[in-house]
Amino acid sequence: LDQVVGVVRSWLGRCHDTRPSLRLQIGDDVLEMTEATDEQ
């Protein structure tokens, strides 16, 4: 999971021109990221 999260963070950080929205879900836990800064 830490590896997956690291790849997602790195990949998303390279999408500077038009950053896509992401939704990660494990079981009932959902994380949605839209228009977030690199720090967020």
All heavy atoms as atom14 arrays in JSON, in Angstrom:
{
  "sequence": "LDQVVGVVRSWLGRCHDTRPSLRLQIGDDVLEMTEATDEQ",
  "atom14_mask": [
    [1, 1, 1, 1, 1, 1, 1, 1, 0, 0, 0, 0, 0, 0],
    [1, 1, 1, 1, 1, 1, 1, 1, 0, 0, 0, 0, 0, 0],
    [1, 1, 1, 1, 1, 1, 1, 1, 1, 0, 0, 0, 0, 0],
    [1, 1, 1, 1, 1, 1, 1, 0, 0, 0, 0, 0, 0, 0],
    [1, 1, 1, 1, 1, 1, 1, 0, 0, 0, 0, 0, 0, 0],
    [1, 1, 1, 1, 0, 0, 0, 0, 0, 0, 0, 0, 0, 0],
    [1, 1, 1, 1, 1, 1, 1, 0, 0, 0, 0, 0, 0, 0],
    [1, 1, 1, 1, 1, 1, 1, 0, 0, 0, 0, 0, 0, 0],
    [1, 1, 1, 1, 1, 1, 1, 1, 1, 1, 1, 0, 0, 0],
    [1, 1, 1, 1, 1, 1, 0, 0, 0, 0, 0, 0, 0, 0],
    [1, 1, 1, 1, 1, 1, 1, 1, 1, 1, 1, 1, 1, 1],
    [1, 1, 1, 1, 1, 1, 1, 1, 0, 0, 0, 0, 0, 0],
    [1, 1, 1, 1, 0, 0, 0, 0, 0, 0, 0, 0, 0, 0],
    [1, 1, 1, 1, 1, 1, 1, 1, 1, 1, 1, 0, 0, 0],
    [1, 1, 1, 1, 1, 1, 0, 0, 0, 0, 0, 0, 0, 0],
    [1, 1, 1, 1, 1, 1, 1, 1, 1, 1, 0, 0, 0, 0],
    [1, 1, 1, 1, 1, 1, 1, 1, 0, 0, 0, 0, 0, 0],
    [1, 1, 1, 1, 1, 1, 1, 0, 0, 0, 0, 0, 0, 0],
    [1, 1, 1, 1, 1, 1, 1, 1, 1, 1, 1, 0, 0, 0],
    [1, 1, 1, 1, 1, 1, 1, 0, 0, 0, 0, 0, 0, 0],
    [1, 1, 1, 1, 1, 1, 0, 0, 0, 0, 0, 0, 0, 0],
    [1, 1, 1, 1, 1, 1, 1, 1, 0, 0, 0, 0, 0, 0],
    [1, 1, 1, 1, 1, 1, 1, 1, 1, 1, 1, 0, 0, 0],
    [1, 1, 1, 1, 1, 1, 1, 1, 0, 0, 0, 0, 0, 0],
    [1, 1, 1, 1, 1, 1, 1, 1, 1, 0, 0, 0, 0, 0],
    [1, 1, 1, 1, 1, 1, 1, 1, 0, 0, 0, 0, 0, 0],
    [1, 1, 1, 1, 0, 0, 0, 0, 0, 0, 0, 0, 0, 0],
    [1, 1, 1, 1, 1, 1, 1, 1, 0, 0, 0, 0, 0, 0],
    [1, 1, 1, 1, 1, 1, 1, 1, 0, 0, 0, 0, 0, 0],
    [1, 1, 1, 1, 1, 1, 1, 0, 0, 0, 0, 0, 0, 0],
    [1, 1, 1, 1, 1, 1, 1, 1, 0, 0, 0, 0, 0, 0],
    [1, 1, 1, 1, 1, 1, 1, 1, 1, 0, 0, 0, 0, 0],
    [1, 1, 1, 1, 1, 1, 1, 1, 0, 0, 0, 0, 0, 0],
    [1, 1, 1, 1, 1, 1, 1, 0, 0, 0, 0, 0, 0, 0],
    [1, 1, 1, 1, 1, 1, 1, 1, 1, 0, 0, 0, 0, 0],
    [1, 1, 1, 1, 1, 0, 0, 0, 0, 0, 0, 0, 0, 0],
    [1, 1, 1, 1, 1, 1, 1, 0, 0, 0, 0, 0, 0, 0],
    [1, 1, 1, 1, 1, 1, 1, 1, 0, 0, 0, 0, 0, 0],
    [1, 1, 1, 1, 1, 1, 1, 1, 1, 0, 0, 0, 0, 0],
    [1, 1, 1, 1, 1, 1, 1, 1, 1, 0, 0, 0, 0, 0]
  ],
  "atom14_positions": [
    [[0.83, -1.2, 0.0], [0.0, 0.0, 0.0], [0.87, 1.25, 0.0], [0.6, 2.19, -0.75], [-0.96, 0.02, 1.19], [-1.82, 1.28, 1.3], [-2.69, 1.47, 0.05], [-2.69, 1.23, 2.55], [0.0, 0.0, 0.0], [0.0, 0.0, 0.0], [0.0, 0.0, 0.0], [0.0, 0.0, 0.0], [0.0, 0.0, 0.0], [0.0, 0.0, 0.0]],
    [[1.92, 1.27, 0.81], [2.81, 2.43, 0.83], [3.46, 2.63, -0.54], [3.63, 3.77, -0.99], [3.89, 2.28, 1.9], [3.36, 2.49, 3.31], [2.31, 3.15, 3.46], [3.99, 1.99, 4.25], [0.0, 0.0, 0.0], [0.0, 0.0, 0.0], [0.0, 0.0, 0.0], [0.0, 0.0, 0.0], [0.0, 0.0, 0.0], [0.0, 0.0, 0.0]],
    [[3.81, 1.54, -1.21], [4.4, 1.64, -2.54], [3.4, 2.22, -3.53], [3.73, 3.1, -4.34], [4.87, 0.27, -3.02], [6.04, -0.29, -2.26], [6.36, -1.72, -2.68], [5.8, -2.25, -3.61], [7.29, -2.33, -1.96], [0.0, 0.0, 0.0], [0.0, 0.0, 0.0], [0.0, 0.0, 0.0], [0.0, 0.0, 0.0], [0.0, 0.0, 0.0]],
    [[2.15, 1.74, -3.48], [1.11, 2.24, -4.37], [0.88, 3.72, -4.13], [0.82, 4.52, -5.08], [-0.21, 1.44, -4.19], [-1.37, 2.13, -4.89], [-0.04, 0.02, -4.69], [0.0, 0.0, 0.0], [0.0, 0.0, 0.0], [0.0, 0.0, 0.0], [0.0, 0.0, 0.0], [0.0, 0.0, 0.0], [0.0, 0.0, 0.0], [0.0, 0.0, 0.0]],
    [[0.79, 4.12, -2.87], [0.58, 5.52, -2.52], [1.75, 6.37, -3.03], [1.55, 7.47, -3.57], [0.38, 5.68, -1.0], [0.52, 7.12, -0.56], [-0.98, 5.13, -0.6], [0.0, 0.0, 0.0], [0.0, 0.0, 0.0], [0.0, 0.0, 0.0], [0.0, 0.0, 0.0], [0.0, 0.0, 0.0], [0.0, 0.0, 0.0], [0.0, 0.0, 0.0]],
    [[2.97, 5.87, -2.89], [4.14, 6.6, -3.38], [4.11, 6.8, -4.88], [4.41, 7.89, -5.39], [0.0, 0.0, 0.0], [0.0, 0.0, 0.0], [0.0, 0.0, 0.0], [0.0, 0.0, 0.0], [0.0, 0.0, 0.0], [0.0, 0.0, 0.0], [0.0, 0.0, 0.0], [0.0, 0.0, 0.0], [0.0, 0.0, 0.0], [0.0, 0.0, 0.0]],
    [[3.73, 5.77, -5.61], [3.65, 5.88, -7.07], [2.55, 6.86, -7.47], [2.73, 7.69, -8.36], [3.42, 4.5, -7.73], [2.96, 4.63, -9.16], [4.7, 3.68, -7.66], [0.0, 0.0, 0.0], [0.0, 0.0, 0.0], [0.0, 0.0, 0.0], [0.0, 0.0, 0.0], [0.0, 0.0, 0.0], [0.0, 0.0, 0.0], [0.0, 0.0, 0.0]],
    [[1.39, 6.77, -6.82], [0.28, 7.69, -7.13], [0.7, 9.13, -6.87], [0.47, 10.02, -7.7], [-0.99, 7.33, -6.32], [-2.03, 8.43, -6.42], [-1.57, 6.01, -6.83], [0.0, 0.0, 0.0], [0.0, 0.0, 0.0], [0.0, 0.0, 0.0], [0.0, 0.0, 0.0], [0.0, 0.0, 0.0], [0.0, 0.0, 0.0], [0.0, 0.0, 0.0]],
    [[1.37, 9.38, -5.75], [1.82, 10.73, -5.4], [2.81, 11.25, -6.44], [2.69, 12.37, -6.95], [2.45, 10.75, -4.01], [2.96, 12.12, -3.6], [3.55, 12.19, -2.2], [4.33, 11.03, -1.82], [4.03, 10.21, -0.81], [2.95, 10.41, -0.08], [4.8, 9.19, -0.54], [0.0, 0.0, 0.0], [0.0, 0.0, 0.0], [0.0, 0.0, 0.0]],
    [[3.78, 10.42, -6.8], [4.79, 10.81, -7.78], [4.17, 11.05, -9.16], [4.46, 12.05, -9.82], [5.85, 9.71, -7.86], [6.78, 9.99, -8.85], [0.0, 0.0, 0.0], [0.0, 0.0, 0.0], [0.0, 0.0, 0.0], [0.0, 0.0, 0.0], [0.0, 0.0, 0.0], [0.0, 0.0, 0.0], [0.0, 0.0, 0.0], [0.0, 0.0, 0.0]],
    [[3.31, 10.13, -9.58], [2.65, 10.24, -10.88], [1.8, 11.49, -10.95], [1.85, 12.25, -11.92], [1.8, 8.98, -11.12], [1.04, 9.01, -12.39], [1.49, 8.63, -13.63], [-0.31, 9.43, -12.57], [0.5, 8.8, -14.55], [-0.62, 9.29, -13.93], [-1.29, 9.91, -11.71], [-1.87, 9.61, -14.45], [-2.53, 10.24, -12.22], [-2.81, 10.08, -13.58]],
    [[1.03, 11.74, -9.91], [0.16, 12.91, -9.88], [0.98, 14.2, -9.88], [0.61, 15.19, -10.51], [-0.76, 12.86, -8.65], [-1.96, 13.78, -8.64], [-2.84, 13.57, -9.86], [-2.77, 13.58, -7.38], [0.0, 0.0, 0.0], [0.0, 0.0, 0.0], [0.0, 0.0, 0.0], [0.0, 0.0, 0.0], [0.0, 0.0, 0.0], [0.0, 0.0, 0.0]],
    [[2.13, 14.18, -9.22], [3.01, 15.34, -9.18], [3.58, 15.7, -10.55], [3.94, 16.84, -10.79], [0.0, 0.0, 0.0], [0.0, 0.0, 0.0], [0.0, 0.0, 0.0], [0.0, 0.0, 0.0], [0.0, 0.0, 0.0], [0.0, 0.0, 0.0], [0.0, 0.0, 0.0], [0.0, 0.0, 0.0], [0.0, 0.0, 0.0], [0.0, 0.0, 0.0]],
    [[3.66, 14.72, -11.44], [4.16, 14.98, -12.8], [3.07, 15.47, -13.74], [3.35, 15.82, -14.87], [4.81, 13.72, -13.36], [6.1, 13.35, -12.65], [6.85, 12.26, -13.37], [6.06, 11.06, -13.58], [5.97, 10.04, -12.74], [6.61, 10.07, -11.6], [5.26, 8.97, -13.03], [0.0, 0.0, 0.0], [0.0, 0.0, 0.0], [0.0, 0.0, 0.0]],
    [[1.83, 15.49, -13.29], [0.71, 15.92, -14.14], [0.42, 17.4, -13.88], [-0.67, 17.77, -13.43], [-0.55, 15.09, -13.83], [-0.4, 13.36, -14.23], [0.0, 0.0, 0.0], [0.0, 0.0, 0.0], [0.0, 0.0, 0.0], [0.0, 0.0, 0.0], [0.0, 0.0, 0.0], [0.0, 0.0, 0.0], [0.0, 0.0, 0.0], [0.0, 0.0, 0.0]],
    [[1.38, 18.25, -14.14], [1.22, 19.67, -13.83], [0.37, 20.43, -14.84], [-0.33, 21.36, -14.47], [2.59, 20.35, -13.71], [3.31, 19.96, -12.47], [2.9, 20.33, -11.22], [4.42, 19.21, -12.3], [3.73, 19.84, -10.31], [4.65, 19.14, -10.94], [0.0, 0.0, 0.0], [0.0, 0.0, 0.0], [0.0, 0.0, 0.0], [0.0, 0.0, 0.0]],
    [[0.41, 20.03, -16.11], [-0.34, 20.77, -17.12], [-1.84, 20.74, -16.85], [-2.5, 21.76, -16.79], [0.0, 20.29, -18.53], [-0.2, 18.79, -18.72], [-0.23, 18.07, -17.72], [-0.33, 18.36, -19.88], [0.0, 0.0, 0.0], [0.0, 0.0, 0.0], [0.0, 0.0, 0.0], [0.0, 0.0, 0.0], [0.0, 0.0, 0.0], [0.0, 0.0, 0.0]],
    [[-2.39, 19.58, -16.69], [-3.81, 19.42, -16.35], [-3.91, 18.26, -15.37], [-3.85, 17.11, -15.76], [-4.68, 19.14, -17.59], [-4.12, 18.03, -18.29], [-4.75, 20.34, -18.51], [0.0, 0.0, 0.0], [0.0, 0.0, 0.0], [0.0, 0.0, 0.0], [0.0, 0.0, 0.0], [0.0, 0.0, 0.0], [0.0, 0.0, 0.0], [0.0, 0.0, 0.0]],
    [[-4.03, 18.58, -14.11], [-4.03, 17.56, -13.07], [-5.37, 16.83, -13.03], [-6.41, 17.43, -12.84], [-3.75, 18.19, -11.72], [-3.68, 17.13, -10.61], [-3.16, 17.71, -9.35], [-1.71, 17.7, -9.43], [-0.92, 18.01, -8.41], [-1.43, 18.37, -7.27], [0.37, 17.96, -8.53], [0.0, 0.0, 0.0], [0.0, 0.0, 0.0], [0.0, 0.0, 0.0]],
    [[-5.33, 15.5, -13.19], [-6.57, 14.73, -13.1], [-7.06, 14.62, -11.66], [-6.3, 14.83, -10.72], [-6.18, 13.35, -13.65], [-4.7, 13.28, -13.49], [-4.18, 14.68, -13.51], [0.0, 0.0, 0.0], [0.0, 0.0, 0.0], [0.0, 0.0, 0.0], [0.0, 0.0, 0.0], [0.0, 0.0, 0.0], [0.0, 0.0, 0.0], [0.0, 0.0, 0.0]],
    [[-8.32, 14.3, -11.51], [-8.9, 14.02, -10.2], [-8.74, 12.54, -9.92], [-8.87, 11.72, -10.83], [-10.38, 14.38, -10.18], [-10.55, 15.76, -10.38], [0.0, 0.0, 0.0], [0.0, 0.0, 0.0], [0.0, 0.0, 0.0], [0.0, 0.0, 0.0], [0.0, 0.0, 0.0], [0.0, 0.0, 0.0], [0.0, 0.0, 0.0], [0.0, 0.0, 0.0]],
    [[-8.45, 12.21, -8.68], [-8.28, 10.81, -8.3], [-9.18, 10.47, -7.14], [-9.43, 11.3, -6.26], [-6.84, 10.53, -7.87], [-5.8, 10.37, -8.95], [-4.44, 10.13, -8.32], [-6.14, 9.25, -9.89], [0.0, 0.0, 0.0], [0.0, 0.0, 0.0], [0.0, 0.0, 0.0], [0.0, 0.0, 0.0], [0.0, 0.0, 0.0], [0.0, 0.0, 0.0]],
    [[-9.64, 9.25, -7.14], [-10.4, 8.7, -6.02], [-9.77, 7.35, -5.7], [-9.69, 6.47, -6.56], [-11.86, 8.52, -6.41], [-12.69, 7.82, -5.36], [-14.1, 7.63, -5.83], [-14.77, 6.68, -4.98], [-16.04, 6.76, -4.63], [-16.78, 7.75, -5.07], [-16.57, 5.86, -3.85], [0.0, 0.0, 0.0], [0.0, 0.0, 0.0], [0.0, 0.0, 0.0]],
    [[-9.3, 7.19, -4.48], [-8.75, 5.92, -4.01], [-9.73, 5.36, -3.0], [-10.26, 6.1, -2.17], [-7.4, 6.13, -3.33], [-6.18, 6.24, -4.23], [-6.2, 7.51, -5.02], [-4.92, 6.12, -3.42], [0.0, 0.0, 0.0], [0.0, 0.0, 0.0], [0.0, 0.0, 0.0], [0.0, 0.0, 0.0], [0.0, 0.0, 0.0], [0.0, 0.0, 0.0]],
    [[-9.95, 4.06, -3.08], [-10.9, 3.43, -2.17], [-10.36, 2.09, -1.71], [-9.93, 1.26, -2.51], [-12.25, 3.24, -2.88], [-13.31, 2.65, -1.99], [-14.68, 2.66, -2.65], [-14.92, 3.36, -3.62], [-15.59, 1.88, -2.11], [0.0, 0.0, 0.0], [0.0, 0.0, 0.0], [0.0, 0.0, 0.0], [0.0, 0.0, 0.0], [0.0, 0.0, 0.0]],
    [[-10.41, 1.9, -0.4], [-10.12, 0.61, 0.22], [-11.32, 0.31, 1.1], [-11.6, 1.04, 2.05], [-8.84, 0.65, 1.06], [-7.62, 0.94, 0.18], [-8.66, -0.67, 1.82], [-6.32, 1.05, 0.95], [0.0, 0.0, 0.0], [0.0, 0.0, 0.0], [0.0, 0.0, 0.0], [0.0, 0.0, 0.0], [0.0, 0.0, 0.0], [0.0, 0.0, 0.0]],
    [[-12.03, -0.74, 0.77], [-13.23, -1.06, 1.52], [-14.21, 0.11, 1.43], [-14.52, 0.59, 0.34], [0.0, 0.0, 0.0], [0.0, 0.0, 0.0], [0.0, 0.0, 0.0], [0.0, 0.0, 0.0], [0.0, 0.0, 0.0], [0.0, 0.0, 0.0], [0.0, 0.0, 0.0], [0.0, 0.0, 0.0], [0.0, 0.0, 0.0], [0.0, 0.0, 0.0]],
    [[-14.65, 0.59, 2.58], [-15.58, 1.72, 2.62], [-14.87, 3.07, 2.75], [-15.52, 4.1, 2.79], [-16.55, 1.57, 3.8], [-17.5, 0.41, 3.61], [-17.76, 0.04, 2.44], [-17.97, -0.14, 4.62], [0.0, 0.0, 0.0], [0.0, 0.0, 0.0], [0.0, 0.0, 0.0], [0.0, 0.0, 0.0], [0.0, 0.0, 0.0], [0.0, 0.0, 0.0]],
    [[-13.56, 3.06, 2.87], [-12.79, 4.29, 3.04], [-12.44, 4.88, 1.68], [-11.82, 4.22, 0.85], [-11.52, 3.99, 3.84], [-10.78, 5.25, 4.25], [-11.34, 6.36, 4.14], [-9.63, 5.11, 4.7], [0.0, 0.0, 0.0], [0.0, 0.0, 0.0], [0.0, 0.0, 0.0], [0.0, 0.0, 0.0], [0.0, 0.0, 0.0], [0.0, 0.0, 0.0]],
    [[-12.83, 6.14, 1.46], [-12.63, 6.79, 0.16], [-11.83, 8.08, 0.36], [-12.1, 8.87, 1.25], [-13.99, 7.13, -0.49], [-13.79, 7.9, -1.79], [-14.79, 5.86, -0.73], [0.0, 0.0, 0.0], [0.0, 0.0, 0.0], [0.0, 0.0, 0.0], [0.0, 0.0, 0.0], [0.0, 0.0, 0.0], [0.0, 0.0, 0.0], [0.0, 0.0, 0.0]],
    [[-10.85, 8.28, -0.51], [-10.09, 9.52, -0.56], [-10.25, 10.1, -1.95], [-9.93, 9.44, -2.93], [-8.61, 9.27, -0.27], [-7.66, 10.46, -0.51], [-7.99, 11.61, 0.43], [-6.22, 10.02, -0.39], [0.0, 0.0, 0.0], [0.0, 0.0, 0.0], [0.0, 0.0, 0.0], [0.0, 0.0, 0.0], [0.0, 0.0, 0.0], [0.0, 0.0, 0.0]],
    [[-10.79, 11.31, -2.02], [-10.95, 11.99, -3.31], [-10.07, 13.22, -3.33], [-10.04, 13.99, -2.37], [-12.41, 12.39, -3.53], [-13.3, 11.2, -3.72], [-14.69, 11.57, -4.19], [-14.81, 12.43, -5.08], [-15.64, 11.01, -3.65], [0.0, 0.0, 0.0], [0.0, 0.0, 0.0], [0.0, 0.0, 0.0], [0.0, 0.0, 0.0], [0.0, 0.0, 0.0]],
    [[-9.34, 13.39, -4.44], [-8.46, 14.54, -4.61], [-8.77, 15.23, -5.93], [-8.63, 14.65, -6.99], [-7.01, 14.08, -4.58], [-6.59, 13.49, -3.26], [-4.91, 12.86, -3.28], [-5.13, 11.37, -4.24], [0.0, 0.0, 0.0], [0.0, 0.0, 0.0], [0.0, 0.0, 0.0], [0.0, 0.0, 0.0], [0.0, 0.0, 0.0], [0.0, 0.0, 0.0]],
    [[-9.21, 16.47, -5.81], [-9.5, 17.29, -6.98], [-8.93, 18.68, -6.72], [-9.18, 19.26, -5.67], [-11.02, 17.4, -7.2], [-11.56, 16.08, -7.33], [-11.35, 18.2, -8.45], [0.0, 0.0, 0.0], [0.0, 0.0, 0.0], [0.0, 0.0, 0.0], [0.0, 0.0, 0.0], [0.0, 0.0, 0.0], [0.0, 0.0, 0.0], [0.0, 0.0, 0.0]],
    [[-8.17, 19.19, -7.66], [-7.58, 20.53, -7.55], [-6.8, 20.71, -6.25], [-6.86, 21.76, -5.62], [-8.67, 21.59, -7.69], [-9.37, 21.55, -9.02], [-10.45, 22.62, -9.15], [-10.47, 23.57, -8.34], [-11.25, 22.49, -10.08], [0.0, 0.0, 0.0], [0.0, 0.0, 0.0], [0.0, 0.0, 0.0], [0.0, 0.0, 0.0], [0.0, 0.0, 0.0]],
    [[-6.06, 19.71, -5.85], [-5.26, 19.78, -4.62], [-3.83, 20.18, -4.97], [-3.31, 19.84, -6.03], [-5.28, 18.43, -3.92], [0.0, 0.0, 0.0], [0.0, 0.0, 0.0], [0.0, 0.0, 0.0], [0.0, 0.0, 0.0], [0.0, 0.0, 0.0], [0.0, 0.0, 0.0], [0.0, 0.0, 0.0], [0.0, 0.0, 0.0], [0.0, 0.0, 0.0]],
    [[-3.2, 20.88, -4.04], [-1.79, 21.23, -4.21], [-0.94, 19.98, -3.95], [-1.42, 18.99, -3.38], [-1.37, 22.33, -3.22], [-1.46, 21.8, -1.88], [-2.24, 23.57, -3.37], [0.0, 0.0, 0.0], [0.0, 0.0, 0.0], [0.0, 0.0, 0.0], [0.0, 0.0, 0.0], [0.0, 0.0, 0.0], [0.0, 0.0, 0.0], [0.0, 0.0, 0.0]],
    [[0.34, 20.06, -4.32], [1.24, 18.93, -4.06], [1.3, 18.61, -2.57], [1.31, 17.45, -2.18], [2.65, 19.23, -4.58], [2.74, 19.23, -6.1], [1.83, 18.66, -6.75], [3.72, 19.78, -6.63], [0.0, 0.0, 0.0], [0.0, 0.0, 0.0], [0.0, 0.0, 0.0], [0.0, 0.0, 0.0], [0.0, 0.0, 0.0], [0.0, 0.0, 0.0]],
    [[1.32, 19.64, -1.74], [1.38, 19.45, -0.3], [0.1, 18.78, 0.22], [0.15, 17.89, 1.08], [1.6, 20.78, 0.43], [2.95, 21.42, 0.15], [3.03, 22.15, -1.2], [1.97, 22.5, -1.8], [4.15, 22.33, -1.69], [0.0, 0.0, 0.0], [0.0, 0.0, 0.0], [0.0, 0.0, 0.0], [0.0, 0.0, 0.0], [0.0, 0.0, 0.0]],
    [[-1.04, 19.21, -0.28], [-2.32, 18.61, 0.13], [-2.39, 17.16, -0.3], [-2.88, 16.3, 0.46], [-3.49, 19.4, -0.45], [-3.66, 20.77, 0.15], [-4.65, 21.64, -0.62], [-4.78, 21.52, -1.84], [-5.34, 22.51, 0.09], [0.0, 0.0, 0.0], [0.0, 0.0, 0.0], [0.0, 0.0, 0.0], [0.0, 0.0, 0.0], [0.0, 0.0, 0.0]]
  ]
}
